[in-house]
Amino acid sequence: MSNLVAERNGISGQGQERRIAPTQIAHFVVYTSRFPEMVAFYRTLFDLRSSHEDDNVAFMTYDEEHHRIAVVNVPDLADRPEGTVGFHHVAFTYATLKDLLETHARLDALGVKPYWTVNHGPTTSMYFRDPDGNRVEMQVDNFDTAEEGIAYCRLPEFAENPIGVDIDPADMLQRLRNGETEQALKRRPNIGPRGMDDFPR
C-alpha cells in the first residue's frame, strides 16, 4: 500500500497501524509580565468569560470548554528578541465570513486593530498582536470543503503567490450588507507573484 493510500485510509506511514489523531486543539497558554493588559486583550479579542481568575492566572473561554486561553502572571520576564525561533501565531476559525467581519467591526470600534488583513486563498484572515507581541490569527475558510481548499493550494496561481491579497474588512462588510455573496467576497483575485518578503514579520 502506498503512503498516500495509507494516509487516506487513516493508516500511518510507519506501518499498517491506524493513525490516532487528536480531536481538536484544546487551548493555549501564555506566560506574561503584563498580566492585566494581556487578560484584557484576550477577553476583548474573543469576548471571553473567565472560568477562573485570580492575581496569578486567568482561565478564559468562549464556549463550553473550561478554558481555551490561559494567561499566567510571571513577574520580570524578558521580552522575546526579534529574530528568534518560536511559534509564529495561533489561528482561530469562524463559521462564516459575516462572523469574521462583524468581529472586526466590534474590535475596530474598541480600538483593537489587526496589523494585517489578507485573503490567503484557502482562508480570509486577520492578524493581531497581543501586548507581548504574540500573534493571533482570526480566519474563515474560503471553501466549503477541506478537499477544495487543498485543491486550490495545488494551483499555479497559489504557487506564484502563497501569501495572498490584502483586503479591507470594513469595505467587505459593507459589500456583504449591500447584498454581495460571501462566496464572491471570498474569491481571491489573481495579482501575480508575491513572496515571503511581503509576509509581515
N, C-alpha and C. Protein backbone atom coordinates (compact mmCIF):
# COMPACT_ATOMS: atom_id res chain seq x y z
N MET A 1 0.85 -1.19 0.00
CA MET A 1 0.00 0.00 0.00
C MET A 1 0.89 1.24 0.00
N SER A 2 0.62 2.20 -0.89
CA SER A 2 1.41 3.42 -0.93
C SER A 2 1.13 4.27 0.28
N ASN A 3 2.09 5.19 0.60
CA ASN A 3 1.90 6.08 1.74
C ASN A 3 0.66 6.94 1.57
N LEU A 4 0.41 7.41 0.32
CA LEU A 4 -0.74 8.26 0.08
C LEU A 4 -2.04 7.51 0.34
N VAL A 5 -2.13 6.27 -0.17
CA VAL A 5 -3.32 5.47 0.06
C VAL A 5 -3.46 5.17 1.55
N ALA A 6 -2.34 4.87 2.20
CA ALA A 6 -2.37 4.59 3.63
C ALA A 6 -2.89 5.78 4.41
N GLU A 7 -2.41 6.98 4.04
CA GLU A 7 -2.86 8.19 4.74
C GLU A 7 -4.35 8.40 4.55
N ARG A 8 -4.84 8.16 3.33
CA ARG A 8 -6.27 8.33 3.07
C ARG A 8 -7.10 7.34 3.86
N ASN A 9 -6.52 6.19 4.18
CA ASN A 9 -7.23 5.17 4.94
C ASN A 9 -6.99 5.29 6.44
N GLY A 10 -6.30 6.38 6.86
CA GLY A 10 -6.07 6.59 8.28
C GLY A 10 -5.02 5.68 8.86
N ILE A 11 -4.09 5.24 8.04
CA ILE A 11 -3.01 4.37 8.50
C ILE A 11 -1.72 5.15 8.40
N SER A 12 -0.92 5.12 9.46
CA SER A 12 0.32 5.90 9.46
C SER A 12 1.33 5.32 8.49
N GLY A 13 2.30 6.17 8.09
CA GLY A 13 3.32 5.74 7.15
C GLY A 13 4.36 4.81 7.76
N GLN A 14 4.34 4.63 9.08
CA GLN A 14 5.34 3.81 9.75
C GLN A 14 4.99 2.32 9.74
N GLY A 15 3.77 2.02 9.38
CA GLY A 15 3.33 0.63 9.39
C GLY A 15 1.88 0.58 8.99
N GLN A 16 1.22 -0.50 9.33
CA GLN A 16 -0.17 -0.65 8.95
C GLN A 16 -1.13 -0.27 10.09
N GLU A 17 -0.57 0.23 11.22
CA GLU A 17 -1.44 0.58 12.33
C GLU A 17 -2.26 1.83 12.00
N ARG A 18 -3.42 1.94 12.64
CA ARG A 18 -4.31 3.08 12.43
C ARG A 18 -3.73 4.33 13.08
N ARG A 19 -3.79 5.44 12.37
CA ARG A 19 -3.35 6.70 12.96
C ARG A 19 -4.34 7.14 14.01
N ILE A 20 -3.85 7.55 15.18
CA ILE A 20 -4.70 8.09 16.23
C ILE A 20 -4.41 9.58 16.33
N ALA A 21 -5.40 10.39 15.98
CA ALA A 21 -5.20 11.84 15.92
C ALA A 21 -6.01 12.53 17.02
N PRO A 22 -5.55 13.70 17.47
CA PRO A 22 -6.35 14.46 18.42
C PRO A 22 -7.69 14.86 17.79
N THR A 23 -8.69 15.10 18.63
CA THR A 23 -9.98 15.52 18.12
C THR A 23 -10.05 17.02 17.89
N GLN A 24 -9.21 17.79 18.59
CA GLN A 24 -9.21 19.24 18.44
C GLN A 24 -8.00 19.83 19.13
N ILE A 25 -7.71 21.09 18.84
CA ILE A 25 -6.77 21.86 19.65
C ILE A 25 -7.56 22.44 20.81
N ALA A 26 -7.17 22.13 22.03
CA ALA A 26 -7.99 22.46 23.20
C ALA A 26 -7.78 23.89 23.70
N HIS A 27 -6.53 24.32 23.82
CA HIS A 27 -6.26 25.64 24.39
C HIS A 27 -4.81 26.02 24.16
N PHE A 28 -4.50 27.28 24.43
CA PHE A 28 -3.10 27.68 24.51
C PHE A 28 -2.90 28.53 25.75
N VAL A 29 -1.64 28.57 26.22
CA VAL A 29 -1.28 29.24 27.46
C VAL A 29 -0.13 30.21 27.18
N VAL A 30 -0.23 31.42 27.73
CA VAL A 30 0.87 32.38 27.59
C VAL A 30 1.34 32.79 28.98
N TYR A 31 2.67 32.89 29.12
CA TYR A 31 3.28 33.47 30.31
C TYR A 31 3.56 34.94 30.02
N THR A 32 3.32 35.80 30.99
CA THR A 32 3.49 37.23 30.76
C THR A 32 3.83 37.96 32.04
N SER A 33 4.50 39.08 31.88
CA SER A 33 4.68 40.02 32.98
C SER A 33 3.78 41.24 32.81
N ARG A 34 2.92 41.18 31.80
CA ARG A 34 1.91 42.23 31.57
C ARG A 34 0.52 41.63 31.80
N PHE A 35 0.33 41.05 32.94
CA PHE A 35 -0.87 40.24 33.21
C PHE A 35 -2.18 40.99 32.99
N PRO A 36 -2.40 42.15 33.61
CA PRO A 36 -3.71 42.81 33.40
C PRO A 36 -3.95 43.16 31.94
N GLU A 37 -2.91 43.64 31.25
CA GLU A 37 -3.06 44.03 29.85
C GLU A 37 -3.36 42.83 28.96
N MET A 38 -2.68 41.72 29.24
CA MET A 38 -2.89 40.53 28.42
C MET A 38 -4.28 39.93 28.65
N VAL A 39 -4.72 39.88 29.89
CA VAL A 39 -6.06 39.36 30.17
C VAL A 39 -7.11 40.22 29.48
N ALA A 40 -6.95 41.54 29.60
CA ALA A 40 -7.91 42.45 28.97
C ALA A 40 -7.90 42.30 27.45
N PHE A 41 -6.71 42.13 26.86
CA PHE A 41 -6.61 41.99 25.40
C PHE A 41 -7.37 40.76 24.93
N TYR A 42 -7.09 39.60 25.51
CA TYR A 42 -7.72 38.37 25.04
C TYR A 42 -9.21 38.34 25.36
N ARG A 43 -9.59 38.91 26.52
CA ARG A 43 -11.01 38.97 26.84
C ARG A 43 -11.76 39.80 25.79
N THR A 44 -11.13 40.89 25.37
CA THR A 44 -11.75 41.75 24.35
C THR A 44 -11.73 41.09 22.98
N LEU A 45 -10.60 40.49 22.61
CA LEU A 45 -10.43 39.92 21.27
C LEU A 45 -11.48 38.86 20.98
N PHE A 46 -11.69 37.96 21.94
CA PHE A 46 -12.59 36.84 21.71
C PHE A 46 -13.88 36.91 22.53
N ASP A 47 -14.12 38.05 23.19
CA ASP A 47 -15.31 38.22 24.01
C ASP A 47 -15.41 37.07 25.01
N LEU A 48 -14.31 36.86 25.75
CA LEU A 48 -14.18 35.72 26.65
C LEU A 48 -14.83 35.97 28.00
N ARG A 49 -15.16 34.87 28.67
CA ARG A 49 -15.54 34.91 30.08
C ARG A 49 -14.53 34.05 30.84
N SER A 50 -14.35 34.35 32.11
CA SER A 50 -13.38 33.61 32.93
C SER A 50 -14.07 32.45 33.64
N SER A 51 -13.48 31.26 33.56
CA SER A 51 -13.93 30.15 34.39
C SER A 51 -13.21 30.16 35.73
N HIS A 52 -12.02 30.77 35.75
CA HIS A 52 -11.30 31.04 37.00
C HIS A 52 -10.33 32.18 36.72
N GLU A 53 -10.23 33.09 37.69
CA GLU A 53 -9.27 34.19 37.55
C GLU A 53 -8.87 34.70 38.92
N ASP A 54 -7.57 34.85 39.13
CA ASP A 54 -7.05 35.49 40.33
C ASP A 54 -5.87 36.35 39.92
N ASP A 55 -5.01 36.72 40.87
CA ASP A 55 -3.89 37.60 40.55
C ASP A 55 -2.77 36.90 39.78
N ASN A 56 -2.84 35.60 39.69
CA ASN A 56 -1.75 34.83 39.09
C ASN A 56 -2.10 34.15 37.78
N VAL A 57 -3.38 33.82 37.58
CA VAL A 57 -3.75 33.08 36.38
C VAL A 57 -5.20 33.39 36.01
N ALA A 58 -5.45 33.41 34.72
CA ALA A 58 -6.82 33.56 34.22
C ALA A 58 -7.09 32.44 33.22
N PHE A 59 -8.11 31.64 33.49
CA PHE A 59 -8.58 30.63 32.57
C PHE A 59 -9.84 31.18 31.90
N MET A 60 -9.80 31.36 30.57
CA MET A 60 -10.89 32.04 29.86
C MET A 60 -11.38 31.18 28.70
N THR A 61 -12.67 31.34 28.39
CA THR A 61 -13.28 30.52 27.35
C THR A 61 -14.34 31.31 26.60
N TYR A 62 -14.64 30.84 25.38
CA TYR A 62 -15.73 31.42 24.59
C TYR A 62 -16.82 30.39 24.32
N ASP A 63 -16.67 29.17 24.85
CA ASP A 63 -17.66 28.12 24.61
C ASP A 63 -17.78 27.24 25.84
N GLU A 64 -18.15 25.98 25.65
CA GLU A 64 -18.41 25.10 26.78
C GLU A 64 -17.13 24.57 27.43
N GLU A 65 -15.99 24.74 26.77
CA GLU A 65 -14.71 24.27 27.32
C GLU A 65 -14.34 25.08 28.56
N HIS A 66 -13.70 24.43 29.53
CA HIS A 66 -13.33 25.14 30.76
C HIS A 66 -12.35 26.27 30.49
N HIS A 67 -11.46 26.07 29.52
CA HIS A 67 -10.65 27.21 29.06
C HIS A 67 -10.12 26.95 27.66
N ARG A 68 -10.08 28.01 26.88
CA ARG A 68 -9.45 27.99 25.56
C ARG A 68 -8.14 28.76 25.58
N ILE A 69 -8.07 29.75 26.46
CA ILE A 69 -6.87 30.58 26.59
C ILE A 69 -6.60 30.76 28.08
N ALA A 70 -5.35 30.55 28.47
CA ALA A 70 -4.94 30.82 29.85
C ALA A 70 -3.79 31.81 29.83
N VAL A 71 -3.84 32.76 30.74
CA VAL A 71 -2.78 33.75 30.89
C VAL A 71 -2.21 33.59 32.30
N VAL A 72 -0.88 33.43 32.39
CA VAL A 72 -0.21 33.19 33.66
C VAL A 72 0.70 34.37 33.98
N ASN A 73 0.57 34.89 35.18
CA ASN A 73 1.35 36.05 35.63
C ASN A 73 2.70 35.59 36.16
N VAL A 74 3.77 35.95 35.46
CA VAL A 74 5.14 35.61 35.88
C VAL A 74 5.94 36.91 35.87
N PRO A 75 6.25 37.47 37.02
CA PRO A 75 6.95 38.76 37.06
C PRO A 75 8.35 38.71 36.44
N ASP A 76 8.76 39.84 35.89
CA ASP A 76 10.14 40.08 35.45
C ASP A 76 10.59 39.20 34.29
N LEU A 77 9.67 38.79 33.43
CA LEU A 77 10.08 38.08 32.23
C LEU A 77 10.69 39.06 31.23
N ALA A 78 11.69 38.60 30.51
CA ALA A 78 12.30 39.42 29.46
C ALA A 78 11.47 39.31 28.20
N ASP A 79 11.40 40.40 27.43
CA ASP A 79 10.74 40.35 26.13
C ASP A 79 11.53 39.45 25.19
N ARG A 80 10.82 38.78 24.30
CA ARG A 80 11.48 37.92 23.31
C ARG A 80 12.14 38.80 22.25
N PRO A 81 13.43 38.60 22.01
CA PRO A 81 14.09 39.40 20.98
C PRO A 81 13.55 39.10 19.59
N GLU A 82 13.54 40.11 18.74
CA GLU A 82 13.17 39.89 17.35
C GLU A 82 14.16 38.94 16.69
N GLY A 83 13.66 38.14 15.75
CA GLY A 83 14.55 37.26 15.00
C GLY A 83 14.91 35.99 15.73
N THR A 84 14.12 35.60 16.74
CA THR A 84 14.37 34.34 17.43
C THR A 84 13.34 33.30 16.99
N VAL A 85 13.68 32.03 17.17
CA VAL A 85 12.79 30.96 16.75
C VAL A 85 11.60 30.86 17.69
N GLY A 86 10.53 30.23 17.22
CA GLY A 86 9.35 30.01 18.05
C GLY A 86 8.11 29.94 17.20
N PHE A 87 6.99 29.63 17.83
CA PHE A 87 5.72 29.65 17.11
C PHE A 87 5.47 31.05 16.58
N HIS A 88 4.99 31.13 15.34
CA HIS A 88 4.71 32.44 14.76
C HIS A 88 3.35 32.95 15.18
N HIS A 89 2.30 32.11 15.11
CA HIS A 89 0.98 32.56 15.52
C HIS A 89 0.08 31.37 15.78
N VAL A 90 -1.05 31.65 16.42
CA VAL A 90 -2.10 30.66 16.61
C VAL A 90 -3.33 31.20 15.90
N ALA A 91 -4.13 30.31 15.30
CA ALA A 91 -5.26 30.73 14.46
C ALA A 91 -6.57 30.15 14.98
N PHE A 92 -7.64 30.97 14.84
CA PHE A 92 -8.98 30.57 15.23
C PHE A 92 -9.90 30.74 14.03
N THR A 93 -10.72 29.73 13.75
CA THR A 93 -11.61 29.74 12.60
C THR A 93 -13.02 30.14 13.00
N TYR A 94 -13.62 31.02 12.21
CA TYR A 94 -15.01 31.44 12.40
C TYR A 94 -15.91 30.69 11.41
N ALA A 95 -17.20 30.64 11.74
CA ALA A 95 -18.13 29.84 10.95
C ALA A 95 -18.43 30.48 9.60
N THR A 96 -18.49 31.81 9.55
CA THR A 96 -18.87 32.49 8.31
C THR A 96 -18.01 33.74 8.14
N LEU A 97 -17.95 34.22 6.90
CA LEU A 97 -17.26 35.48 6.64
C LEU A 97 -17.96 36.62 7.39
N LYS A 98 -19.27 36.60 7.45
CA LYS A 98 -20.01 37.63 8.18
C LYS A 98 -19.58 37.67 9.64
N ASP A 99 -19.43 36.52 10.26
CA ASP A 99 -18.98 36.48 11.66
C ASP A 99 -17.60 37.11 11.81
N LEU A 100 -16.70 36.80 10.89
CA LEU A 100 -15.35 37.35 10.94
C LEU A 100 -15.38 38.87 10.77
N LEU A 101 -16.15 39.35 9.79
CA LEU A 101 -16.18 40.78 9.51
C LEU A 101 -16.91 41.55 10.60
N GLU A 102 -17.95 40.96 11.18
CA GLU A 102 -18.64 41.61 12.30
C GLU A 102 -17.71 41.67 13.52
N THR A 103 -16.88 40.66 13.70
CA THR A 103 -15.90 40.68 14.79
C THR A 103 -14.90 41.80 14.57
N HIS A 104 -14.46 41.98 13.32
CA HIS A 104 -13.56 43.09 13.01
C HIS A 104 -14.22 44.41 13.36
N ALA A 105 -15.50 44.58 13.00
CA ALA A 105 -16.20 45.83 13.28
C ALA A 105 -16.30 46.08 14.78
N ARG A 106 -16.60 45.02 15.56
CA ARG A 106 -16.68 45.16 17.02
C ARG A 106 -15.34 45.60 17.60
N LEU A 107 -14.27 44.95 17.17
CA LEU A 107 -12.95 45.26 17.69
C LEU A 107 -12.48 46.65 17.25
N ASP A 108 -12.76 46.99 16.00
CA ASP A 108 -12.36 48.29 15.48
C ASP A 108 -13.00 49.42 16.29
N ALA A 109 -14.26 49.23 16.67
CA ALA A 109 -14.95 50.24 17.47
C ALA A 109 -14.32 50.40 18.85
N LEU A 110 -13.63 49.35 19.32
CA LEU A 110 -12.95 49.39 20.62
C LEU A 110 -11.49 49.79 20.49
N GLY A 111 -11.05 50.08 19.26
CA GLY A 111 -9.67 50.49 19.04
C GLY A 111 -8.69 49.34 18.93
N VAL A 112 -9.19 48.12 18.79
CA VAL A 112 -8.33 46.94 18.62
C VAL A 112 -8.24 46.64 17.14
N LYS A 113 -7.06 46.86 16.56
CA LYS A 113 -6.92 46.80 15.11
C LYS A 113 -5.92 45.72 14.69
N PRO A 114 -6.24 44.98 13.64
CA PRO A 114 -5.29 43.99 13.14
C PRO A 114 -4.10 44.67 12.47
N TYR A 115 -2.96 43.99 12.50
CA TYR A 115 -1.80 44.53 11.79
C TYR A 115 -1.76 44.06 10.34
N TRP A 116 -2.59 43.05 10.01
CA TRP A 116 -2.63 42.57 8.62
C TRP A 116 -3.97 41.91 8.37
N THR A 117 -4.59 42.24 7.25
CA THR A 117 -5.84 41.60 6.82
C THR A 117 -5.63 41.13 5.39
N VAL A 118 -5.92 39.86 5.12
CA VAL A 118 -5.49 39.27 3.86
C VAL A 118 -6.39 38.10 3.46
N ASN A 119 -6.60 37.96 2.16
CA ASN A 119 -7.21 36.77 1.60
C ASN A 119 -6.06 35.88 1.13
N HIS A 120 -5.79 34.81 1.87
CA HIS A 120 -4.71 33.90 1.51
C HIS A 120 -5.07 33.02 0.31
N GLY A 121 -6.33 32.87 0.06
CA GLY A 121 -6.81 31.92 -0.95
C GLY A 121 -7.62 30.84 -0.25
N PRO A 122 -6.96 29.98 0.53
CA PRO A 122 -7.71 28.99 1.32
C PRO A 122 -8.52 29.62 2.44
N THR A 123 -8.03 30.74 2.98
CA THR A 123 -8.72 31.43 4.07
C THR A 123 -8.72 32.94 3.82
N THR A 124 -9.66 33.61 4.47
CA THR A 124 -9.62 35.06 4.63
C THR A 124 -9.28 35.30 6.09
N SER A 125 -8.26 36.15 6.35
CA SER A 125 -7.65 36.19 7.68
C SER A 125 -7.37 37.60 8.16
N MET A 126 -7.38 37.74 9.49
CA MET A 126 -6.97 38.96 10.17
C MET A 126 -5.95 38.58 11.24
N TYR A 127 -4.88 39.36 11.34
CA TYR A 127 -3.82 39.07 12.30
C TYR A 127 -3.69 40.20 13.32
N PHE A 128 -3.56 39.81 14.59
CA PHE A 128 -3.42 40.76 15.69
C PHE A 128 -2.15 40.44 16.48
N ARG A 129 -1.62 41.45 17.17
CA ARG A 129 -0.54 41.25 18.13
C ARG A 129 -1.05 41.58 19.52
N ASP A 130 -0.77 40.70 20.47
CA ASP A 130 -1.15 40.98 21.85
C ASP A 130 -0.11 41.91 22.50
N PRO A 131 -0.32 42.34 23.74
CA PRO A 131 0.62 43.29 24.35
C PRO A 131 2.05 42.79 24.47
N ASP A 132 2.26 41.48 24.44
CA ASP A 132 3.61 40.93 24.46
C ASP A 132 4.18 40.70 23.07
N GLY A 133 3.40 40.98 22.04
CA GLY A 133 3.87 40.78 20.67
C GLY A 133 3.56 39.43 20.08
N ASN A 134 2.84 38.56 20.81
CA ASN A 134 2.41 37.27 20.25
C ASN A 134 1.34 37.52 19.19
N ARG A 135 1.34 36.71 18.16
CA ARG A 135 0.44 36.92 17.03
C ARG A 135 -0.74 35.96 17.08
N VAL A 136 -1.91 36.48 16.76
CA VAL A 136 -3.14 35.70 16.75
C VAL A 136 -3.85 35.94 15.42
N GLU A 137 -4.25 34.86 14.77
CA GLU A 137 -4.98 34.95 13.52
C GLU A 137 -6.44 34.58 13.74
N MET A 138 -7.34 35.38 13.15
CA MET A 138 -8.74 35.02 13.03
C MET A 138 -9.00 34.77 11.56
N GLN A 139 -9.69 33.68 11.23
CA GLN A 139 -9.85 33.31 9.83
C GLN A 139 -11.21 32.70 9.57
N VAL A 140 -11.56 32.65 8.29
CA VAL A 140 -12.69 31.87 7.84
C VAL A 140 -12.23 31.07 6.63
N ASP A 141 -12.66 29.83 6.52
CA ASP A 141 -12.32 29.02 5.35
C ASP A 141 -13.04 29.58 4.13
N ASN A 142 -12.33 29.67 3.02
CA ASN A 142 -12.92 30.21 1.79
C ASN A 142 -13.62 29.16 0.94
N PHE A 143 -13.47 27.90 1.30
CA PHE A 143 -14.09 26.82 0.53
C PHE A 143 -15.00 26.00 1.44
N ASP A 144 -15.99 25.37 0.85
CA ASP A 144 -16.97 24.60 1.62
C ASP A 144 -16.39 23.31 2.18
N THR A 145 -15.38 22.77 1.51
CA THR A 145 -14.79 21.51 1.97
C THR A 145 -13.27 21.63 2.05
N ALA A 146 -12.68 20.79 2.89
CA ALA A 146 -11.22 20.76 3.00
C ALA A 146 -10.58 20.34 1.68
N GLU A 147 -11.24 19.44 0.96
CA GLU A 147 -10.69 18.97 -0.32
C GLU A 147 -10.56 20.12 -1.32
N GLU A 148 -11.56 21.01 -1.35
CA GLU A 148 -11.50 22.16 -2.25
C GLU A 148 -10.36 23.09 -1.86
N GLY A 149 -10.15 23.29 -0.57
CA GLY A 149 -9.06 24.13 -0.11
C GLY A 149 -7.70 23.56 -0.48
N ILE A 150 -7.55 22.26 -0.33
CA ILE A 150 -6.29 21.60 -0.70
C ILE A 150 -6.07 21.69 -2.20
N ALA A 151 -7.13 21.49 -2.97
CA ALA A 151 -7.02 21.57 -4.43
C ALA A 151 -6.57 22.98 -4.85
N TYR A 152 -7.10 24.00 -4.19
CA TYR A 152 -6.69 25.37 -4.51
C TYR A 152 -5.19 25.55 -4.26
N CYS A 153 -4.68 24.99 -3.18
CA CYS A 153 -3.26 25.13 -2.84
C CYS A 153 -2.34 24.47 -3.87
N ARG A 154 -2.90 23.64 -4.75
CA ARG A 154 -2.11 22.97 -5.78
C ARG A 154 -2.14 23.72 -7.12
N LEU A 155 -2.87 24.83 -7.18
CA LEU A 155 -2.99 25.58 -8.43
C LEU A 155 -1.73 26.43 -8.68
N PRO A 156 -1.40 26.68 -9.94
CA PRO A 156 -0.24 27.54 -10.26
C PRO A 156 -0.36 28.94 -9.67
N GLU A 157 -1.57 29.50 -9.60
CA GLU A 157 -1.72 30.86 -9.07
C GLU A 157 -1.39 30.91 -7.58
N PHE A 158 -1.62 29.80 -6.86
CA PHE A 158 -1.23 29.78 -5.46
C PHE A 158 0.28 29.58 -5.32
N ALA A 159 0.87 28.79 -6.20
CA ALA A 159 2.31 28.57 -6.17
C ALA A 159 3.07 29.88 -6.39
N GLU A 160 2.56 30.75 -7.25
CA GLU A 160 3.25 32.01 -7.51
C GLU A 160 2.94 33.06 -6.44
N ASN A 161 1.87 32.86 -5.68
CA ASN A 161 1.53 33.79 -4.62
C ASN A 161 0.91 33.02 -3.46
N PRO A 162 1.76 32.39 -2.60
CA PRO A 162 1.22 31.68 -1.44
C PRO A 162 0.92 32.61 -0.27
N ILE A 163 1.18 33.90 -0.42
CA ILE A 163 0.98 34.87 0.65
C ILE A 163 -0.45 35.37 0.68
N GLY A 164 -0.95 35.86 -0.46
CA GLY A 164 -2.33 36.32 -0.53
C GLY A 164 -2.48 37.73 -1.04
N VAL A 165 -3.69 38.25 -0.92
CA VAL A 165 -4.06 39.57 -1.40
C VAL A 165 -4.64 40.35 -0.23
N ASP A 166 -4.08 41.52 0.05
CA ASP A 166 -4.55 42.33 1.18
C ASP A 166 -6.01 42.75 0.96
N ILE A 167 -6.75 42.85 2.05
CA ILE A 167 -8.18 43.17 1.99
C ILE A 167 -8.51 44.31 2.95
N ASP A 168 -9.69 44.89 2.74
CA ASP A 168 -10.25 45.92 3.62
C ASP A 168 -11.52 45.34 4.26
N PRO A 169 -11.45 44.87 5.52
CA PRO A 169 -12.61 44.23 6.13
C PRO A 169 -13.84 45.13 6.21
N ALA A 170 -13.64 46.42 6.48
CA ALA A 170 -14.80 47.33 6.57
C ALA A 170 -15.52 47.43 5.23
N ASP A 171 -14.74 47.52 4.15
CA ASP A 171 -15.34 47.57 2.81
C ASP A 171 -16.05 46.25 2.50
N MET A 172 -15.44 45.14 2.87
CA MET A 172 -16.07 43.84 2.61
C MET A 172 -17.38 43.70 3.38
N LEU A 173 -17.41 44.18 4.63
CA LEU A 173 -18.64 44.09 5.40
C LEU A 173 -19.74 44.93 4.76
N GLN A 174 -19.38 46.10 4.29
CA GLN A 174 -20.38 46.94 3.64
C GLN A 174 -20.91 46.28 2.37
N ARG A 175 -20.01 45.69 1.59
CA ARG A 175 -20.43 45.00 0.38
C ARG A 175 -21.33 43.81 0.71
N LEU A 176 -21.02 43.11 1.79
CA LEU A 176 -21.85 41.99 2.23
C LEU A 176 -23.24 42.48 2.62
N ARG A 177 -23.29 43.58 3.36
CA ARG A 177 -24.57 44.15 3.76
C ARG A 177 -25.36 44.68 2.57
N ASN A 178 -24.65 45.04 1.52
CA ASN A 178 -25.32 45.53 0.30
C ASN A 178 -25.79 44.40 -0.61
N GLY A 179 -25.57 43.16 -0.21
CA GLY A 179 -26.12 42.04 -0.96
C GLY A 179 -25.12 41.17 -1.70
N GLU A 180 -23.83 41.53 -1.68
CA GLU A 180 -22.83 40.68 -2.34
C GLU A 180 -22.70 39.38 -1.54
N THR A 181 -22.50 38.27 -2.21
CA THR A 181 -22.47 36.97 -1.52
C THR A 181 -21.12 36.73 -0.86
N GLU A 182 -21.15 35.91 0.17
CA GLU A 182 -19.90 35.51 0.82
C GLU A 182 -18.99 34.79 -0.17
N GLN A 183 -19.57 33.94 -0.99
CA GLN A 183 -18.77 33.19 -1.96
C GLN A 183 -18.00 34.13 -2.88
N ALA A 184 -18.66 35.19 -3.35
CA ALA A 184 -17.99 36.14 -4.23
C ALA A 184 -16.91 36.91 -3.48
N LEU A 185 -17.19 37.31 -2.26
CA LEU A 185 -16.23 38.10 -1.48
C LEU A 185 -15.01 37.28 -1.07
N LYS A 186 -15.18 35.97 -0.93
CA LYS A 186 -14.06 35.12 -0.51
C LYS A 186 -13.19 34.68 -1.68
N ARG A 187 -13.62 34.93 -2.90
CA ARG A 187 -12.84 34.53 -4.07
C ARG A 187 -11.62 35.42 -4.19
N ARG A 188 -10.43 34.85 -4.13
CA ARG A 188 -9.20 35.65 -4.16
C ARG A 188 -8.86 36.08 -5.58
N PRO A 189 -8.64 37.39 -5.80
CA PRO A 189 -8.20 37.82 -7.13
C PRO A 189 -6.76 37.39 -7.39
N ASN A 190 -6.42 37.28 -8.65
CA ASN A 190 -5.06 36.89 -9.03
C ASN A 190 -4.26 38.16 -9.31
N ILE A 191 -3.29 38.46 -8.43
CA ILE A 191 -2.50 39.69 -8.58
C ILE A 191 -1.09 39.40 -9.06
N GLY A 192 -0.81 38.14 -9.37
CA GLY A 192 0.54 37.78 -9.82
C GLY A 192 1.43 37.40 -8.66
N PRO A 193 2.73 37.30 -8.91
CA PRO A 193 3.66 36.79 -7.89
C PRO A 193 3.73 37.65 -6.64
N ARG A 194 3.85 36.98 -5.51
CA ARG A 194 4.08 37.63 -4.22
C ARG A 194 4.82 36.63 -3.35
N GLY A 195 5.93 37.07 -2.73
CA GLY A 195 6.78 36.14 -1.99
C GLY A 195 6.85 36.46 -0.51
N MET A 196 7.73 35.75 0.19
CA MET A 196 7.82 35.85 1.64
C MET A 196 8.26 37.23 2.12
N ASP A 197 8.89 38.01 1.27
CA ASP A 197 9.25 39.37 1.66
C ASP A 197 8.01 40.22 1.95
N ASP A 198 6.85 39.80 1.43
CA ASP A 198 5.60 40.52 1.66
C ASP A 198 4.83 40.00 2.88
N PHE A 199 5.40 39.01 3.57
CA PHE A 199 4.75 38.44 4.73
C PHE A 199 5.18 39.25 5.96
N PRO A 200 4.24 39.94 6.64
CA PRO A 200 4.63 40.75 7.80
C PRO A 200 5.29 39.91 8.88
N ARG A 201 6.36 40.41 9.43
CA ARG A 201 7.11 39.68 10.48
C ARG A 201 6.48 39.88 11.85
